[in-house]
Amino acid sequence: MIEHITTQKAPLPKGHYAQATKANGFVFVSGQLPFTADGNAVLPEGLDAQVRQTLSNLREVLLAAQTSIGKLVSVQIYVSDIETWPRVNELYREFVGDPAPARTVVPCARLHYGAHIEISAIALCGDELSSGI
């Protein structure tokens, strides 16, 4: 069974996609940008604020899917400037903790809306862990 996840606690999609999809024991989170859930299309100023907002959006979508940051298995981070990677990595580490999930970092010349960062992820469903799988 496939379940589409929607939460008002993270920015709603501006295109034809779900915030996340649950299938076969996993949650697939669509790329999250650093916008707030209030629909205000203004990016926070500065790299730190954008990274924190994007990670917060990721957490809210995972919670709506009844899972959490601790159940991440793979994270894809897109950055508009690879020179910012050391700081992004610091903030990411604070947020995710240890052990860290598998991760891919993709430098991009330009991200949608001029954002510094976008993050997509895959996590285990909450019920999968509680059943011993």
Protein backbone atom coordinates (compact mmCIF):
# COMPACT_ATOMS: atom_id res chain seq x y z
CA MET A 1 0.00 0.00 0.00
CA ILE A 2 1.15 3.53 -0.76
CA GLU A 3 0.23 6.41 1.55
CA HIS A 4 0.81 10.06 0.69
CA ILE A 5 1.81 12.26 3.62
CA THR A 6 0.75 15.88 4.05
CA THR A 7 1.33 18.18 6.99
CA GLN A 8 0.56 21.85 7.52
CA LYS A 9 3.68 22.05 9.73
CA ALA A 10 5.97 22.11 6.68
CA PRO A 11 5.62 24.04 3.43
CA LEU A 12 3.02 22.54 1.15
CA PRO A 13 4.19 21.48 -2.32
CA LYS A 14 4.15 24.12 -5.03
CA GLY A 15 4.10 21.45 -7.73
CA HIS A 16 2.53 18.08 -8.42
CA TYR A 17 4.13 15.89 -5.72
CA ALA A 18 3.58 14.70 -2.15
CA GLN A 19 5.56 15.99 0.82
CA ALA A 20 6.33 12.34 1.46
CA THR A 21 5.18 8.88 0.45
CA LYS A 22 5.09 5.79 2.66
CA ALA A 23 5.57 2.42 0.96
CA ASN A 24 6.99 -1.00 1.87
CA GLY A 25 8.21 0.05 5.31
CA PHE A 26 9.89 3.26 4.18
CA VAL A 27 9.08 6.97 4.06
CA PHE A 28 10.38 8.86 1.02
CA VAL A 29 10.53 12.59 1.77
CA SER A 30 10.46 14.98 -1.17
CA GLY A 31 13.06 17.73 -1.38
CA GLN A 32 12.55 20.23 1.43
CA LEU A 33 13.48 23.87 0.94
CA PRO A 34 14.03 26.50 3.65
CA PHE A 35 10.55 28.05 3.60
CA THR A 36 8.27 28.25 6.62
CA ALA A 37 4.96 26.43 6.76
CA ASP A 38 2.94 29.67 6.78
CA GLY A 39 3.16 29.89 2.99
CA ASN A 40 5.40 32.95 3.11
CA ALA A 41 7.61 32.55 0.04
CA VAL A 42 10.52 34.49 1.55
CA LEU A 43 13.76 32.61 2.21
CA PRO A 44 15.35 33.12 5.63
CA GLU A 45 18.50 35.25 5.48
CA GLY A 46 21.81 33.49 5.73
CA LEU A 47 23.04 29.96 5.37
CA ASP A 48 22.53 28.91 9.01
CA ALA A 49 18.89 29.99 9.04
CA GLN A 50 18.20 28.22 5.76
CA VAL A 51 19.85 24.98 6.87
CA ARG A 52 17.96 24.99 10.19
CA GLN A 53 14.62 25.71 8.50
CA THR A 54 15.16 22.97 5.93
CA LEU A 55 16.07 20.43 8.63
CA SER A 56 13.04 21.52 10.66
CA ASN A 57 10.81 20.95 7.62
CA LEU A 58 12.32 17.49 7.18
CA ARG A 59 11.60 16.66 10.84
CA GLU A 60 7.97 17.83 10.56
CA VAL A 61 7.31 15.72 7.47
CA LEU A 62 8.86 12.68 9.15
CA LEU A 63 6.72 13.23 12.26
CA ALA A 64 3.61 13.49 10.07
CA ALA A 65 4.59 10.12 8.62
CA GLN A 66 4.87 8.74 12.18
CA THR A 67 8.63 8.34 12.08
CA SER A 68 11.61 10.45 13.14
CA ILE A 69 15.11 11.75 12.42
CA GLY A 70 16.52 8.74 14.28
CA LYS A 71 15.03 6.44 11.64
CA LEU A 72 16.68 8.09 8.64
CA VAL A 73 18.52 5.63 6.41
CA SER A 74 19.55 7.92 3.55
CA VAL A 75 19.77 11.69 3.12
CA GLN A 76 20.45 13.69 -0.02
CA ILE A 77 21.68 17.26 0.49
CA TYR A 78 21.87 19.71 -2.39
CA VAL A 79 23.97 22.83 -1.80
CA SER A 80 24.27 25.85 -4.07
CA ASP A 81 27.90 26.42 -3.09
CA ILE A 82 30.24 23.58 -2.10
CA GLU A 83 32.31 26.11 -0.13
CA THR A 84 29.46 26.22 2.41
CA TRP A 85 29.70 22.47 2.97
CA PRO A 86 31.76 22.56 6.21
CA ARG A 87 29.13 24.73 7.94
CA VAL A 88 26.22 22.75 6.49
CA ASN A 89 27.87 19.57 7.77
CA GLU A 90 28.24 21.05 11.29
CA LEU A 91 24.58 22.01 11.48
CA TYR A 92 23.52 18.68 9.98
CA ARG A 93 25.58 16.77 12.55
CA GLU A 94 23.99 18.72 15.43
CA PHE A 95 20.54 17.92 14.06
CA VAL A 96 20.98 14.26 13.09
CA GLY A 97 23.43 13.14 15.76
CA ASP A 98 25.18 9.78 15.75
CA PRO A 99 25.09 7.30 14.21
CA ALA A 100 24.50 9.22 11.02
CA PRO A 101 22.53 7.75 8.11
CA ALA A 102 23.98 7.25 4.65
CA ARG A 103 24.27 10.57 2.86
CA THR A 104 24.93 12.14 -0.52
CA VAL A 105 25.99 15.75 -1.02
CA VAL A 106 25.35 17.27 -4.42
CA PRO A 107 26.75 20.70 -5.30
CA CYS A 108 24.40 22.55 -7.65
CA ALA A 109 25.01 25.74 -9.55
CA ARG A 110 21.56 27.01 -8.56
CA LEU A 111 18.69 25.69 -6.48
CA HIS A 112 15.01 26.54 -6.90
CA TYR A 113 14.01 30.02 -5.63
CA GLY A 114 17.68 30.83 -5.01
CA ALA A 115 17.88 28.67 -1.87
CA HIS A 116 21.25 27.67 -0.42
CA ILE A 117 20.07 24.12 0.40
CA GLU A 118 17.50 21.42 -0.37
CA ILE A 119 17.21 18.09 1.45
CA SER A 120 15.38 14.87 0.54
CA ALA A 121 15.50 11.70 2.58
CA ILE A 122 14.43 8.11 3.13
CA ALA A 123 13.51 6.79 6.57
CA LEU A 124 12.14 3.60 8.07
CA CYS A 125 8.47 3.75 8.98
CA GLY A 126 7.89 4.00 12.70
CA ASP A 127 5.86 0.80 12.86
CA GLU A 128 8.65 -1.16 11.16
CA LEU A 129 11.04 -0.59 14.06
CA SER A 130 8.47 -1.29 16.76
CA SER A 131 7.68 -4.65 15.18
CA GLY A 132 11.31 -5.72 15.44
CA ILE A 133 12.21 -5.44 11.76
